[in-house]
């Protein structure tokens, strides 16, 4: 974080002074640590509750919708790294909870990646461009 100003956290984003690629001033934004941890905790609890209640293919689609909702709120310029981090952490949590459905391991990592290949969750995407303020 460049500059002397303290970061400001509002609406789930940390706003801070940054430099553009050309060295000019730019307002940087990223998901606040508090909200990121909160969303990860909520996702962990949801995966823990849902894992045995319905089939994997059913809750996997709901997981995709939850990811899309997160991307649509937090998906703005400068926040792509946090979106990717959220995606990878959720996939890791899903692998953990898929394998805790019984005493036997349901998937190893290779099998899980193959499942993801055929049932891909939505990838992180920037939905709000702050360079072009048209909706």
Protein backbone atom coordinates (compact mmCIF):
# COMPACT_ATOMS: atom_id res chain seq x y z
CA UNK A 1 0.00 0.00 0.00
CA UNK A 2 1.57 3.23 -1.15
CA UNK A 3 1.12 6.62 0.47
CA UNK A 4 0.77 7.85 4.02
CA UNK A 5 -3.01 7.72 4.36
CA UNK A 6 -4.52 5.02 6.54
CA UNK A 7 -6.61 2.41 4.75
CA UNK A 8 -10.36 2.91 5.05
CA UNK A 9 -12.69 -0.07 5.30
CA UNK A 10 -16.27 0.48 4.17
CA UNK A 11 -18.92 -1.76 2.50
CA UNK A 12 -16.65 -4.81 2.86
CA UNK A 13 -13.77 -3.23 0.92
CA UNK A 14 -10.49 -1.82 2.13
CA UNK A 15 -9.74 1.39 0.22
CA UNK A 16 -6.11 2.49 0.11
CA UNK A 17 -3.72 4.75 -1.81
CA UNK A 18 -1.94 2.93 -4.62
CA UNK A 19 0.07 3.63 -7.77
CA UNK A 20 -1.02 2.82 -11.29
CA UNK A 21 1.23 1.02 -13.74
CA UNK A 22 2.51 4.43 -14.91
CA UNK A 23 3.27 5.62 -11.38
CA UNK A 24 0.25 7.90 -10.99
CA UNK A 25 -2.03 7.98 -7.95
CA UNK A 26 -4.80 5.41 -7.92
CA UNK A 27 -7.38 4.44 -5.33
CA UNK A 28 -6.90 0.75 -4.59
CA UNK A 29 -9.66 -1.55 -3.37
CA UNK A 30 -9.68 -5.09 -2.09
CA UNK A 31 -11.91 -7.29 0.04
CA UNK A 32 -11.42 -6.45 3.71
CA UNK A 33 -9.73 -9.13 5.79
CA UNK A 34 -12.61 -9.19 8.23
CA UNK A 35 -15.22 -9.83 5.50
CA UNK A 36 -13.00 -12.40 3.77
CA UNK A 37 -12.60 -14.39 6.99
CA UNK A 38 -16.31 -14.04 7.73
CA UNK A 39 -17.30 -15.33 4.27
CA UNK A 40 -14.85 -18.22 4.53
CA UNK A 41 -16.25 -19.17 7.95
CA UNK A 42 -19.82 -19.00 6.62
CA UNK A 43 -18.87 -21.14 3.60
CA UNK A 44 -17.16 -23.68 5.87
CA UNK A 45 -20.25 -23.95 8.08
CA UNK A 46 -22.56 -24.26 5.06
CA UNK A 47 -20.43 -27.02 3.51
CA UNK A 48 -20.33 -28.83 6.85
CA UNK A 49 -24.14 -28.72 7.17
CA UNK A 50 -25.02 -29.57 3.56
CA UNK A 51 -22.51 -32.36 2.83
CA UNK A 52 -24.75 -35.26 3.94
CA UNK A 53 -28.19 -33.75 3.46
CA UNK A 54 -28.30 -33.80 -0.35
CA UNK A 55 -26.30 -35.38 -3.15
CA UNK A 56 -23.00 -33.86 -4.19
CA UNK A 57 -24.20 -32.80 -7.64
CA UNK A 58 -27.14 -30.93 -6.11
CA UNK A 59 -25.17 -28.92 -3.57
CA UNK A 60 -22.34 -28.38 -6.06
CA UNK A 61 -24.73 -26.29 -8.20
CA UNK A 62 -25.76 -24.26 -5.14
CA UNK A 63 -22.08 -23.76 -4.33
CA UNK A 64 -21.63 -22.34 -7.83
CA UNK A 65 -24.45 -19.86 -7.22
CA UNK A 66 -22.88 -18.83 -3.92
CA UNK A 67 -19.56 -18.22 -5.69
CA UNK A 68 -21.31 -16.16 -8.38
CA UNK A 69 -22.97 -14.02 -5.73
CA UNK A 70 -19.60 -13.38 -4.10
CA UNK A 71 -18.00 -12.48 -7.45
CA UNK A 72 -20.84 -10.14 -8.37
CA UNK A 73 -20.52 -8.19 -5.13
CA UNK A 74 -16.73 -8.16 -4.74
CA UNK A 75 -15.79 -8.40 -8.45
CA UNK A 76 -14.27 -5.00 -9.20
CA UNK A 77 -10.98 -3.77 -10.61
CA UNK A 78 -8.06 -4.35 -8.26
CA UNK A 79 -9.77 -7.15 -6.34
CA UNK A 80 -9.13 -10.06 -8.70
CA UNK A 81 -6.41 -11.54 -6.47
CA UNK A 82 -8.84 -11.77 -3.54
CA UNK A 83 -11.49 -13.34 -5.81
CA UNK A 84 -8.99 -15.99 -6.94
CA UNK A 85 -7.98 -16.59 -3.34
CA UNK A 86 -11.64 -17.05 -2.36
CA UNK A 87 -12.17 -19.50 -5.24
CA UNK A 88 -9.15 -21.64 -4.31
CA UNK A 89 -10.03 -21.64 -0.61
CA UNK A 90 -13.63 -22.71 -1.35
CA UNK A 91 -12.45 -25.54 -3.63
CA UNK A 92 -10.07 -26.68 -0.88
CA UNK A 93 -12.89 -26.58 1.69
CA UNK A 94 -15.22 -28.49 -0.65
CA UNK A 95 -12.58 -31.21 -1.05
CA UNK A 96 -12.25 -31.41 2.73
CA UNK A 97 -15.99 -31.77 3.35
CA UNK A 98 -16.62 -34.15 0.43
CA UNK A 99 -14.14 -36.52 2.02
CA UNK A 100 -15.75 -36.32 5.46
CA UNK A 101 -19.06 -37.82 4.41
CA UNK A 102 -18.10 -41.28 5.67
CA UNK A 103 -15.15 -43.13 7.20
CA UNK A 104 -13.90 -43.86 3.70
CA UNK A 105 -12.33 -41.21 1.51
CA UNK A 106 -14.72 -40.31 -1.33
CA UNK A 107 -12.17 -38.69 -3.62
CA UNK A 108 -8.43 -38.27 -3.75
CA UNK A 109 -7.17 -34.94 -5.10
CA UNK A 110 -6.80 -36.25 -8.68
CA UNK A 111 -10.34 -37.64 -8.72
CA UNK A 112 -11.66 -34.40 -7.24
CA UNK A 113 -9.91 -32.35 -9.94
CA UNK A 114 -11.50 -34.61 -12.54
CA UNK A 115 -14.91 -34.02 -10.93
CA UNK A 116 -14.24 -30.26 -11.11
CA UNK A 117 -13.22 -30.61 -14.75
CA UNK A 118 -16.61 -32.10 -15.62
CA UNK A 119 -18.60 -29.94 -13.16
CA UNK A 120 -16.72 -26.65 -13.15
CA UNK A 121 -17.60 -24.04 -10.54
CA UNK A 122 -17.69 -20.47 -11.87
CA UNK A 123 -14.27 -18.88 -12.21
CA UNK A 124 -13.54 -15.45 -10.70
CA UNK A 125 -14.49 -12.57 -12.96
CA UNK A 126 -14.55 -8.77 -12.76
CA UNK A 127 -18.18 -7.67 -12.96
CA UNK A 128 -17.73 -3.97 -12.11
CA UNK A 129 -15.18 -2.01 -14.09
CA UNK A 130 -14.32 1.24 -12.37
CA UNK A 131 -12.58 2.51 -15.51
CA UNK A 132 -15.83 2.44 -17.44
CA UNK A 133 -18.67 3.53 -15.18
CA UNK A 134 -21.45 2.27 -17.44
CA UNK A 135 -23.46 -0.54 -15.75
